[in-house]
């Protein structure tokens, strides 16, 4: 999360990665592709 305006422009105010979190983070998936897979064997 980064500030984009003002004197503090480009200041990160929140940051996490898998290493620092020690946990898996969000996965991003295309909606249509996920729906197709969920119904593939229906």
ModelCIF file with pLDDT and N, C-alpha, C, O atoms, coordinates in Angstrom:
data_MODEL
#
_entry.id   MODEL 
#
_entity.id                         1 
_entity.type                       polymer 
_entity.pdbx_number_of_molecules   1 
#
_entity_poly.entity_id                      1 
_entity_poly.type                           'polypeptide(L)' 
_entity_poly.nstd_linkage                   no 
_entity_poly.nstd_monomer                   no 
_entity_poly.pdbx_seq_one_letter_code       
;(UNK)(UNK)(UNK)(UNK)(UNK)(UNK)(UNK)(UNK)(UNK)(UNK)(UNK)(UNK)(UNK)(UNK)(UNK)(UNK)
(UNK)(UNK)(UNK)(UNK)(UNK)(UNK)(UNK)(UNK)(UNK)(UNK)(UNK)(UNK)(UNK)(UNK)(UNK)(UNK)
(UNK)(UNK)(UNK)(UNK)(UNK)(UNK)(UNK)(UNK)(UNK)(UNK)
;
_entity_poly.pdbx_seq_one_letter_code_can   XXXXXXXXXXXXXXXXXXXXXXXXXXXXXXXXXXXXXXXXXX 
_entity_poly.pdbx_strand_id                 A 
#
loop_
_entity_poly_seq.entity_id 
_entity_poly_seq.num 
_entity_poly_seq.mon_id 
_entity_poly_seq.hetero 
1 1  UNK n 
1 2  UNK n 
1 3  UNK n 
1 4  UNK n 
1 5  UNK n 
1 6  UNK n 
1 7  UNK n 
1 8  UNK n 
1 9  UNK n 
1 10 UNK n 
1 11 UNK n 
1 12 UNK n 
1 13 UNK n 
1 14 UNK n 
1 15 UNK n 
1 16 UNK n 
1 17 UNK n 
1 18 UNK n 
1 19 UNK n 
1 20 UNK n 
1 21 UNK n 
1 22 UNK n 
1 23 UNK n 
1 24 UNK n 
1 25 UNK n 
1 26 UNK n 
1 27 UNK n 
1 28 UNK n 
1 29 UNK n 
1 30 UNK n 
1 31 UNK n 
1 32 UNK n 
1 33 UNK n 
1 34 UNK n 
1 35 UNK n 
1 36 UNK n 
1 37 UNK n 
1 38 UNK n 
1 39 UNK n 
1 40 UNK n 
1 41 UNK n 
1 42 UNK n 
#
_struct_asym.id          A 
_struct_asym.entity_id   1 
#
loop_
_ma_qa_metric.id 
_ma_qa_metric.mode 
_ma_qa_metric.name 
_ma_qa_metric.software_group_id 
_ma_qa_metric.type 
1 global pLDDT . pLDDT 
2 local  pLDDT . pLDDT 
#
_ma_qa_metric_global.metric_id      1 
_ma_qa_metric_global.metric_value   87.98 
_ma_qa_metric_global.model_id       1 
_ma_qa_metric_global.ordinal_id     1 
#
loop_
_ma_qa_metric_local.label_asym_id 
_ma_qa_metric_local.label_comp_id 
_ma_qa_metric_local.label_seq_id 
_ma_qa_metric_local.metric_id 
_ma_qa_metric_local.metric_value 
_ma_qa_metric_local.model_id 
_ma_qa_metric_local.ordinal_id 
A UNK 1  2 94.00 1 1  
A UNK 2  2 93.00 1 2  
A UNK 3  2 92.00 1 3  
A UNK 4  2 91.00 1 4  
A UNK 5  2 82.00 1 5  
A UNK 6  2 78.00 1 6  
A UNK 7  2 77.00 1 7  
A UNK 8  2 82.00 1 8  
A UNK 9  2 83.00 1 9  
A UNK 10 2 84.00 1 10 
A UNK 11 2 88.00 1 11 
A UNK 12 2 89.00 1 12 
A UNK 13 2 90.00 1 13 
A UNK 14 2 91.00 1 14 
A UNK 15 2 91.00 1 15 
A UNK 16 2 90.00 1 16 
A UNK 17 2 86.00 1 17 
A UNK 18 2 80.00 1 18 
A UNK 19 2 80.00 1 19 
A UNK 20 2 80.00 1 20 
A UNK 21 2 78.00 1 21 
A UNK 22 2 77.00 1 22 
A UNK 23 2 83.00 1 23 
A UNK 24 2 80.00 1 24 
A UNK 25 2 84.00 1 25 
A UNK 26 2 89.00 1 26 
A UNK 27 2 91.00 1 27 
A UNK 28 2 88.00 1 28 
A UNK 29 2 90.00 1 29 
A UNK 30 2 87.00 1 30 
A UNK 31 2 90.00 1 31 
A UNK 32 2 90.00 1 32 
A UNK 33 2 92.00 1 33 
A UNK 34 2 94.00 1 34 
A UNK 35 2 95.00 1 35 
A UNK 36 2 94.00 1 36 
A UNK 37 2 96.00 1 37 
A UNK 38 2 97.00 1 38 
A UNK 39 2 96.00 1 39 
A UNK 40 2 95.00 1 40 
A UNK 41 2 93.00 1 41 
A UNK 42 2 95.00 1 42 
#
loop_
_atom_site.group_PDB 
_atom_site.id 
_atom_site.type_symbol 
_atom_site.label_atom_id 
_atom_site.label_alt_id 
_atom_site.label_comp_id 
_atom_site.label_asym_id 
_atom_site.label_entity_id 
_atom_site.label_seq_id 
_atom_site.pdbx_PDB_ins_code 
_atom_site.Cartn_x 
_atom_site.Cartn_y 
_atom_site.Cartn_z 
_atom_site.occupancy 
_atom_site.B_iso_or_equiv 
_atom_site.pdbx_formal_charge 
_atom_site.auth_seq_id 
_atom_site.auth_comp_id 
_atom_site.auth_asym_id 
_atom_site.auth_atom_id 
_atom_site.pdbx_PDB_model_num 
ATOM 1   N N  . UNK A 1 1  ? 0.861   -1.183  0.000   1.00 94.00 ? 1  UNK A N  1 
ATOM 2   C CA . UNK A 1 1  ? 0.000   0.000   0.000   1.00 94.00 ? 1  UNK A CA 1 
ATOM 3   C C  . UNK A 1 1  ? 0.891   1.225   0.000   1.00 94.00 ? 1  UNK A C  1 
ATOM 4   O O  . UNK A 1 1  ? 1.768   1.365   0.852   1.00 94.00 ? 1  UNK A O  1 
ATOM 5   N N  . UNK A 1 2  ? 0.663   2.122   -0.969  1.00 93.00 ? 2  UNK A N  1 
ATOM 6   C CA . UNK A 1 2  ? 1.579   3.250   -1.168  1.00 93.00 ? 2  UNK A CA 1 
ATOM 7   C C  . UNK A 1 2  ? 0.787   4.545   -1.318  1.00 93.00 ? 2  UNK A C  1 
ATOM 8   O O  . UNK A 1 2  ? -0.234  4.574   -2.005  1.00 93.00 ? 2  UNK A O  1 
ATOM 9   N N  . UNK A 1 3  ? 1.258   5.625   -0.669  1.00 92.00 ? 3  UNK A N  1 
ATOM 10  C CA . UNK A 1 3  ? 0.681   6.945   -0.876  1.00 92.00 ? 3  UNK A CA 1 
ATOM 11  C C  . UNK A 1 3  ? 1.104   7.468   -2.237  1.00 92.00 ? 3  UNK A C  1 
ATOM 12  O O  . UNK A 1 3  ? 2.271   7.365   -2.615  1.00 92.00 ? 3  UNK A O  1 
ATOM 13  N N  . UNK A 1 4  ? 0.151   8.032   -2.975  1.00 91.00 ? 4  UNK A N  1 
ATOM 14  C CA . UNK A 1 4  ? 0.453   8.468   -4.334  1.00 91.00 ? 4  UNK A CA 1 
ATOM 15  C C  . UNK A 1 4  ? 0.451   9.979   -4.496  1.00 91.00 ? 4  UNK A C  1 
ATOM 16  O O  . UNK A 1 4  ? 0.787   10.477  -5.570  1.00 91.00 ? 4  UNK A O  1 
ATOM 17  N N  . UNK A 1 5  ? 0.082   10.722  -3.456  1.00 82.00 ? 5  UNK A N  1 
ATOM 18  C CA . UNK A 1 5  ? 0.020   12.173  -3.567  1.00 82.00 ? 5  UNK A CA 1 
ATOM 19  C C  . UNK A 1 5  ? 0.594   12.831  -2.315  1.00 82.00 ? 5  UNK A C  1 
ATOM 20  O O  . UNK A 1 5  ? 0.753   12.190  -1.276  1.00 82.00 ? 5  UNK A O  1 
ATOM 21  N N  . UNK A 1 6  ? 0.896   14.098  -2.434  1.00 78.00 ? 6  UNK A N  1 
ATOM 22  C CA . UNK A 1 6  ? 1.359   14.862  -1.280  1.00 78.00 ? 6  UNK A CA 1 
ATOM 23  C C  . UNK A 1 6  ? 2.849   14.760  -1.050  1.00 78.00 ? 6  UNK A C  1 
ATOM 24  O O  . UNK A 1 6  ? 3.575   14.166  -1.847  1.00 78.00 ? 6  UNK A O  1 
ATOM 25  N N  . UNK A 1 7  ? 3.297   15.343  0.042   1.00 77.00 ? 7  UNK A N  1 
ATOM 26  C CA . UNK A 1 7  ? 4.727   15.379  0.348   1.00 77.00 ? 7  UNK A CA 1 
ATOM 27  C C  . UNK A 1 7  ? 5.294   13.995  0.613   1.00 77.00 ? 7  UNK A C  1 
ATOM 28  O O  . UNK A 1 7  ? 6.490   13.766  0.432   1.00 77.00 ? 7  UNK A O  1 
ATOM 29  N N  . UNK A 1 8  ? 4.442   13.075  1.041   1.00 82.00 ? 8  UNK A N  1 
ATOM 30  C CA . UNK A 1 8  ? 4.903   11.713  1.345   1.00 82.00 ? 8  UNK A CA 1 
ATOM 31  C C  . UNK A 1 8  ? 4.665   10.765  0.177   1.00 82.00 ? 8  UNK A C  1 
ATOM 32  O O  . UNK A 1 8  ? 4.560   9.551   0.354   1.00 82.00 ? 8  UNK A O  1 
ATOM 33  N N  . UNK A 1 9  ? 4.583   11.334  -1.006  1.00 83.00 ? 9  UNK A N  1 
ATOM 34  C CA . UNK A 1 9  ? 4.347   10.546  -2.208  1.00 83.00 ? 9  UNK A CA 1 
ATOM 35  C C  . UNK A 1 9  ? 5.317   9.359   -2.302  1.00 83.00 ? 9  UNK A C  1 
ATOM 36  O O  . UNK A 1 9  ? 6.516   9.488   -2.054  1.00 83.00 ? 9  UNK A O  1 
ATOM 37  N N  . UNK A 1 10 ? 4.760   8.211   -2.667  1.00 84.00 ? 10 UNK A N  1 
ATOM 38  C CA . UNK A 1 10 ? 5.495   6.951   -2.823  1.00 84.00 ? 10 UNK A CA 1 
ATOM 39  C C  . UNK A 1 10 ? 5.954   6.352   -1.502  1.00 84.00 ? 10 UNK A C  1 
ATOM 40  O O  . UNK A 1 10 ? 6.799   5.457   -1.486  1.00 84.00 ? 10 UNK A O  1 
ATOM 41  N N  . UNK A 1 11 ? 5.399   6.843   -0.384  1.00 88.00 ? 11 UNK A N  1 
ATOM 42  C CA . UNK A 1 11 ? 5.693   6.229   0.912   1.00 88.00 ? 11 UNK A CA 1 
ATOM 43  C C  . UNK A 1 11 ? 4.814   5.007   1.112   1.00 88.00 ? 11 UNK A C  1 
ATOM 44  O O  . UNK A 1 11 ? 3.589   5.101   1.033   1.00 88.00 ? 11 UNK A O  1 
ATOM 45  N N  . UNK A 1 12 ? 5.435   3.858   1.371   1.00 89.00 ? 12 UNK A N  1 
ATOM 46  C CA . UNK A 1 12 ? 4.677   2.641   1.640   1.00 89.00 ? 12 UNK A CA 1 
ATOM 47  C C  . UNK A 1 12 ? 4.149   2.688   3.072   1.00 89.00 ? 12 UNK A C  1 
ATOM 48  O O  . UNK A 1 12 ? 4.922   2.882   4.011   1.00 89.00 ? 12 UNK A O  1 
ATOM 49  N N  . UNK A 1 13 ? 2.836   2.510   3.246   1.00 90.00 ? 13 UNK A N  1 
ATOM 50  C CA . UNK A 1 13 ? 2.263   2.537   4.598   1.00 90.00 ? 13 UNK A CA 1 
ATOM 51  C C  . UNK A 1 13 ? 1.768   1.146   5.022   1.00 90.00 ? 13 UNK A C  1 
ATOM 52  O O  . UNK A 1 13 ? 1.166   0.992   6.084   1.00 90.00 ? 13 UNK A O  1 
ATOM 53  N N  . UNK A 1 14 ? 2.024   0.167   4.202   1.00 91.00 ? 14 UNK A N  1 
ATOM 54  C CA . UNK A 1 14 ? 1.693   -1.206  4.554   1.00 91.00 ? 14 UNK A CA 1 
ATOM 55  C C  . UNK A 1 14 ? 2.305   -2.125  3.525   1.00 91.00 ? 14 UNK A C  1 
ATOM 56  O O  . UNK A 1 14 ? 2.147   -1.911  2.323   1.00 91.00 ? 14 UNK A O  1 
ATOM 57  N N  . UNK A 1 15 ? 3.007   -3.155  3.988   1.00 91.00 ? 15 UNK A N  1 
ATOM 58  C CA . UNK A 1 15 ? 3.677   -4.050  3.045   1.00 91.00 ? 15 UNK A CA 1 
ATOM 59  C C  . UNK A 1 15 ? 3.880   -5.410  3.700   1.00 91.00 ? 15 UNK A C  1 
ATOM 60  O O  . UNK A 1 15 ? 4.270   -5.504  4.864   1.00 91.00 ? 15 UNK A O  1 
ATOM 61  N N  . UNK A 1 16 ? 3.610   -6.452  2.939   1.00 90.00 ? 16 UNK A N  1 
ATOM 62  C CA . UNK A 1 16 ? 3.813   -7.801  3.457   1.00 90.00 ? 16 UNK A CA 1 
ATOM 63  C C  . UNK A 1 16 ? 4.141   -8.710  2.282   1.00 90.00 ? 16 UNK A C  1 
ATOM 64  O O  . UNK A 1 16 ? 3.628   -8.524  1.179   1.00 90.00 ? 16 UNK A O  1 
ATOM 65  N N  . UNK A 1 17 ? 4.996   -9.689  2.526   1.00 86.00 ? 17 UNK A N  1 
ATOM 66  C CA . UNK A 1 17 ? 5.228   -10.737 1.534   1.00 86.00 ? 17 UNK A CA 1 
ATOM 67  C C  . UNK A 1 17 ? 5.153   -12.089 2.232   1.00 86.00 ? 17 UNK A C  1 
ATOM 68  O O  . UNK A 1 17 ? 5.033   -12.168 3.454   1.00 86.00 ? 17 UNK A O  1 
ATOM 69  N N  . UNK A 1 18 ? 5.226   -13.139 1.441   1.00 80.00 ? 18 UNK A N  1 
ATOM 70  C CA . UNK A 1 18 ? 5.060   -14.486 2.012   1.00 80.00 ? 18 UNK A CA 1 
ATOM 71  C C  . UNK A 1 18 ? 6.124   -14.784 3.062   1.00 80.00 ? 18 UNK A C  1 
ATOM 72  O O  . UNK A 1 18 ? 5.855   -15.467 4.050   1.00 80.00 ? 18 UNK A O  1 
ATOM 73  N N  . UNK A 1 19 ? 7.326   -14.272 2.844   1.00 80.00 ? 19 UNK A N  1 
ATOM 74  C CA . UNK A 1 19 ? 8.407   -14.565 3.781   1.00 80.00 ? 19 UNK A CA 1 
ATOM 75  C C  . UNK A 1 19 ? 8.157   -13.901 5.132   1.00 80.00 ? 19 UNK A C  1 
ATOM 76  O O  . UNK A 1 19 ? 8.280   -14.539 6.178   1.00 80.00 ? 19 UNK A O  1 
ATOM 77  N N  . UNK A 1 20 ? 7.801   -12.606 5.102   1.00 80.00 ? 20 UNK A N  1 
ATOM 78  C CA . UNK A 1 20 ? 7.590   -11.899 6.367   1.00 80.00 ? 20 UNK A CA 1 
ATOM 79  C C  . UNK A 1 20 ? 6.295   -12.348 7.043   1.00 80.00 ? 20 UNK A C  1 
ATOM 80  O O  . UNK A 1 20 ? 6.208   -12.372 8.271   1.00 80.00 ? 20 UNK A O  1 
ATOM 81  N N  . UNK A 1 21 ? 5.293   -12.701 6.241   1.00 78.00 ? 21 UNK A N  1 
ATOM 82  C CA . UNK A 1 21 ? 4.022   -13.146 6.823   1.00 78.00 ? 21 UNK A CA 1 
ATOM 83  C C  . UNK A 1 21 ? 4.115   -14.568 7.350   1.00 78.00 ? 21 UNK A C  1 
ATOM 84  O O  . UNK A 1 21 ? 3.427   -14.933 8.303   1.00 78.00 ? 21 UNK A O  1 
ATOM 85  N N  . UNK A 1 22 ? 4.966   -15.364 6.728   1.00 77.00 ? 22 UNK A N  1 
ATOM 86  C CA . UNK A 1 22 ? 5.055   -16.771 7.109   1.00 77.00 ? 22 UNK A CA 1 
ATOM 87  C C  . UNK A 1 22 ? 3.829   -17.554 6.707   1.00 77.00 ? 22 UNK A C  1 
ATOM 88  O O  . UNK A 1 22 ? 3.607   -18.666 7.186   1.00 77.00 ? 22 UNK A O  1 
ATOM 89  N N  . UNK A 1 23 ? 3.029   -16.972 5.823   1.00 83.00 ? 23 UNK A N  1 
ATOM 90  C CA . UNK A 1 23 ? 1.778   -17.603 5.391   1.00 83.00 ? 23 UNK A CA 1 
ATOM 91  C C  . UNK A 1 23 ? 1.586   -17.323 3.911   1.00 83.00 ? 23 UNK A C  1 
ATOM 92  O O  . UNK A 1 23 ? 2.177   -16.394 3.359   1.00 83.00 ? 23 UNK A O  1 
ATOM 93  N N  . UNK A 1 24 ? 0.753   -18.134 3.277   1.00 80.00 ? 24 UNK A N  1 
ATOM 94  C CA . UNK A 1 24 ? 0.435   -17.869 1.878   1.00 80.00 ? 24 UNK A CA 1 
ATOM 95  C C  . UNK A 1 24 ? -0.464  -16.637 1.793   1.00 80.00 ? 24 UNK A C  1 
ATOM 96  O O  . UNK A 1 24 ? -1.249  -16.358 2.699   1.00 80.00 ? 24 UNK A O  1 
ATOM 97  N N  . UNK A 1 25 ? -0.331  -15.909 0.687   1.00 84.00 ? 25 UNK A N  1 
ATOM 98  C CA . UNK A 1 25 ? -1.128  -14.722 0.468   1.00 84.00 ? 25 UNK A CA 1 
ATOM 99  C C  . UNK A 1 25 ? -2.219  -15.017 -0.557  1.00 84.00 ? 25 UNK A C  1 
ATOM 100 O O  . UNK A 1 25 ? -2.464  -16.171 -0.907  1.00 84.00 ? 25 UNK A O  1 
ATOM 101 N N  . UNK A 1 26 ? -2.851  -13.982 -1.018  1.00 89.00 ? 26 UNK A N  1 
ATOM 102 C CA . UNK A 1 26 ? -3.946  -14.115 -1.971  1.00 89.00 ? 26 UNK A CA 1 
ATOM 103 C C  . UNK A 1 26 ? -3.450  -14.653 -3.312  1.00 89.00 ? 26 UNK A C  1 
ATOM 104 O O  . UNK A 1 26 ? -2.347  -14.326 -3.751  1.00 89.00 ? 26 UNK A O  1 
ATOM 105 N N  . UNK A 1 27 ? -4.272  -15.480 -3.957  1.00 91.00 ? 27 UNK A N  1 
ATOM 106 C CA . UNK A 1 27 ? -4.049  -15.859 -5.349  1.00 91.00 ? 27 UNK A CA 1 
ATOM 107 C C  . UNK A 1 27 ? -5.059  -15.114 -6.211  1.00 91.00 ? 27 UNK A C  1 
ATOM 108 O O  . UNK A 1 27 ? -6.209  -14.934 -5.808  1.00 91.00 ? 27 UNK A O  1 
ATOM 109 N N  . UNK A 1 28 ? -4.638  -14.684 -7.387  1.00 88.00 ? 28 UNK A N  1 
ATOM 110 C CA . UNK A 1 28 ? -5.507  -13.967 -8.310  1.00 88.00 ? 28 UNK A CA 1 
ATOM 111 C C  . UNK A 1 28 ? -5.865  -14.901 -9.456  1.00 88.00 ? 28 UNK A C  1 
ATOM 112 O O  . UNK A 1 28 ? -4.985  -15.524 -10.049 1.00 88.00 ? 28 UNK A O  1 
ATOM 113 N N  . UNK A 1 29 ? -7.152  -15.003 -9.770  1.00 90.00 ? 29 UNK A N  1 
ATOM 114 C CA . UNK A 1 29 ? -7.590  -15.920 -10.821 1.00 90.00 ? 29 UNK A CA 1 
ATOM 115 C C  . UNK A 1 29 ? -8.646  -15.238 -11.678 1.00 90.00 ? 29 UNK A C  1 
ATOM 116 O O  . UNK A 1 29 ? -9.441  -14.436 -11.188 1.00 90.00 ? 29 UNK A O  1 
ATOM 117 N N  . UNK A 1 30 ? -8.643  -15.566 -12.948 1.00 87.00 ? 30 UNK A N  1 
ATOM 118 C CA . UNK A 1 30 ? -9.660  -15.054 -13.864 1.00 87.00 ? 30 UNK A CA 1 
ATOM 119 C C  . UNK A 1 30 ? -10.990 -15.719 -13.536 1.00 87.00 ? 30 UNK A C  1 
ATOM 120 O O  . UNK A 1 30 ? -11.069 -16.943 -13.429 1.00 87.00 ? 30 UNK A O  1 
ATOM 121 N N  . UNK A 1 31 ? -12.032 -14.911 -13.378 1.00 90.00 ? 31 UNK A N  1 
ATOM 122 C CA . UNK A 1 31 ? -13.336 -15.421 -12.948 1.00 90.00 ? 31 UNK A CA 1 
ATOM 123 C C  . UNK A 1 31 ? -13.871 -16.509 -13.893 1.00 90.00 ? 31 UNK A C  1 
ATOM 124 O O  . UNK A 1 31 ? -14.299 -17.577 -13.455 1.00 90.00 ? 31 UNK A O  1 
ATOM 125 N N  . UNK A 1 32 ? -13.835 -16.208 -15.201 1.00 90.00 ? 32 UNK A N  1 
ATOM 126 C CA . UNK A 1 32 ? -14.413 -17.137 -16.173 1.00 90.00 ? 32 UNK A CA 1 
ATOM 127 C C  . UNK A 1 32 ? -13.686 -18.480 -16.160 1.00 90.00 ? 32 UNK A C  1 
ATOM 128 O O  . UNK A 1 32 ? -14.316 -19.533 -16.264 1.00 90.00 ? 32 UNK A O  1 
ATOM 129 N N  . UNK A 1 33 ? -12.363 -18.440 -16.031 1.00 92.00 ? 33 UNK A N  1 
ATOM 130 C CA . UNK A 1 33 ? -11.594 -19.682 -16.014 1.00 92.00 ? 33 UNK A CA 1 
ATOM 131 C C  . UNK A 1 33 ? -11.912 -20.516 -14.779 1.00 92.00 ? 33 UNK A C  1 
ATOM 132 O O  . UNK A 1 33 ? -12.024 -21.738 -14.870 1.00 92.00 ? 33 UNK A O  1 
ATOM 133 N N  . UNK A 1 34 ? -12.060 -19.865 -13.623 1.00 94.00 ? 34 UNK A N  1 
ATOM 134 C CA . UNK A 1 34 ? -12.374 -20.583 -12.388 1.00 94.00 ? 34 UNK A CA 1 
ATOM 135 C C  . UNK A 1 34 ? -13.768 -21.207 -12.473 1.00 94.00 ? 34 UNK A C  1 
ATOM 136 O O  . UNK A 1 34 ? -13.961 -22.357 -12.080 1.00 94.00 ? 34 UNK A O  1 
ATOM 137 N N  . UNK A 1 35 ? -14.733 -20.452 -12.982 1.00 95.00 ? 35 UNK A N  1 
ATOM 138 C CA . UNK A 1 35 ? -16.091 -20.989 -13.136 1.00 95.00 ? 35 UNK A CA 1 
ATOM 139 C C  . UNK A 1 35 ? -16.092 -22.211 -14.044 1.00 95.00 ? 35 UNK A C  1 
ATOM 140 O O  . UNK A 1 35 ? -16.750 -23.211 -13.753 1.00 95.00 ? 35 UNK A O  1 
ATOM 141 N N  . UNK A 1 36 ? -15.355 -22.125 -15.138 1.00 94.00 ? 36 UNK A N  1 
ATOM 142 C CA . UNK A 1 36 ? -15.288 -23.250 -16.081 1.00 94.00 ? 36 UNK A CA 1 
ATOM 143 C C  . UNK A 1 36 ? -14.733 -24.499 -15.410 1.00 94.00 ? 36 UNK A C  1 
ATOM 144 O O  . UNK A 1 36 ? -15.238 -25.599 -15.636 1.00 94.00 ? 36 UNK A O  1 
ATOM 145 N N  . UNK A 1 37 ? -13.709 -24.341 -14.594 1.00 96.00 ? 37 UNK A N  1 
ATOM 146 C CA . UNK A 1 37 ? -13.124 -25.493 -13.912 1.00 96.00 ? 37 UNK A CA 1 
ATOM 147 C C  . UNK A 1 37 ? -14.065 -26.069 -12.854 1.00 96.00 ? 37 UNK A C  1 
ATOM 148 O O  . UNK A 1 37 ? -14.128 -27.285 -12.678 1.00 96.00 ? 37 UNK A O  1 
ATOM 149 N N  . UNK A 1 38 ? -14.788 -25.212 -12.156 1.00 97.00 ? 38 UNK A N  1 
ATOM 150 C CA . UNK A 1 38 ? -15.711 -25.696 -11.119 1.00 97.00 ? 38 UNK A CA 1 
ATOM 151 C C  . UNK A 1 38 ? -16.828 -26.548 -11.716 1.00 97.00 ? 38 UNK A C  1 
ATOM 152 O O  . UNK A 1 38 ? -17.322 -27.475 -11.073 1.00 97.00 ? 38 UNK A O  1 
ATOM 153 N N  . UNK A 1 39 ? -17.221 -26.231 -12.937 1.00 96.00 ? 39 UNK A N  1 
ATOM 154 C CA . UNK A 1 39 ? -18.321 -26.958 -13.575 1.00 96.00 ? 39 UNK A CA 1 
ATOM 155 C C  . UNK A 1 39 ? -17.844 -27.973 -14.608 1.00 96.00 ? 39 UNK A C  1 
ATOM 156 O O  . UNK A 1 39 ? -18.657 -28.547 -15.333 1.00 96.00 ? 39 UNK A O  1 
ATOM 157 N N  . UNK A 1 40 ? -16.541 -28.198 -14.679 1.00 95.00 ? 40 UNK A N  1 
ATOM 158 C CA . UNK A 1 40 ? -15.981 -29.050 -15.736 1.00 95.00 ? 40 UNK A CA 1 
ATOM 159 C C  . UNK A 1 40 ? -16.541 -30.464 -15.717 1.00 95.00 ? 40 UNK A C  1 
ATOM 160 O O  . UNK A 1 40 ? -16.783 -31.044 -16.775 1.00 95.00 ? 40 UNK A O  1 
ATOM 161 N N  . UNK A 1 41 ? -16.753 -31.030 -14.529 1.00 93.00 ? 41 UNK A N  1 
ATOM 162 C CA . UNK A 1 41 ? -17.234 -32.416 -14.468 1.00 93.00 ? 41 UNK A CA 1 
ATOM 163 C C  . UNK A 1 41 ? -18.690 -32.494 -14.007 1.00 93.00 ? 41 UNK A C  1 
ATOM 164 O O  . UNK A 1 41 ? -19.142 -33.547 -13.556 1.00 93.00 ? 41 UNK A O  1 
ATOM 165 N N  . UNK A 1 42 ? -19.417 -31.393 -14.116 1.00 95.00 ? 42 UNK A N  1 
ATOM 166 C CA . UNK A 1 42 ? -20.806 -31.372 -13.651 1.00 95.00 ? 42 UNK A CA 1 
ATOM 167 C C  . UNK A 1 42 ? -21.703 -32.169 -14.588 1.00 95.00 ? 42 UNK A C  1 
ATOM 168 O O  . UNK A 1 42 ? -22.908 -32.264 -14.357 1.00 95.00 ? 42 UNK A O  1 
#
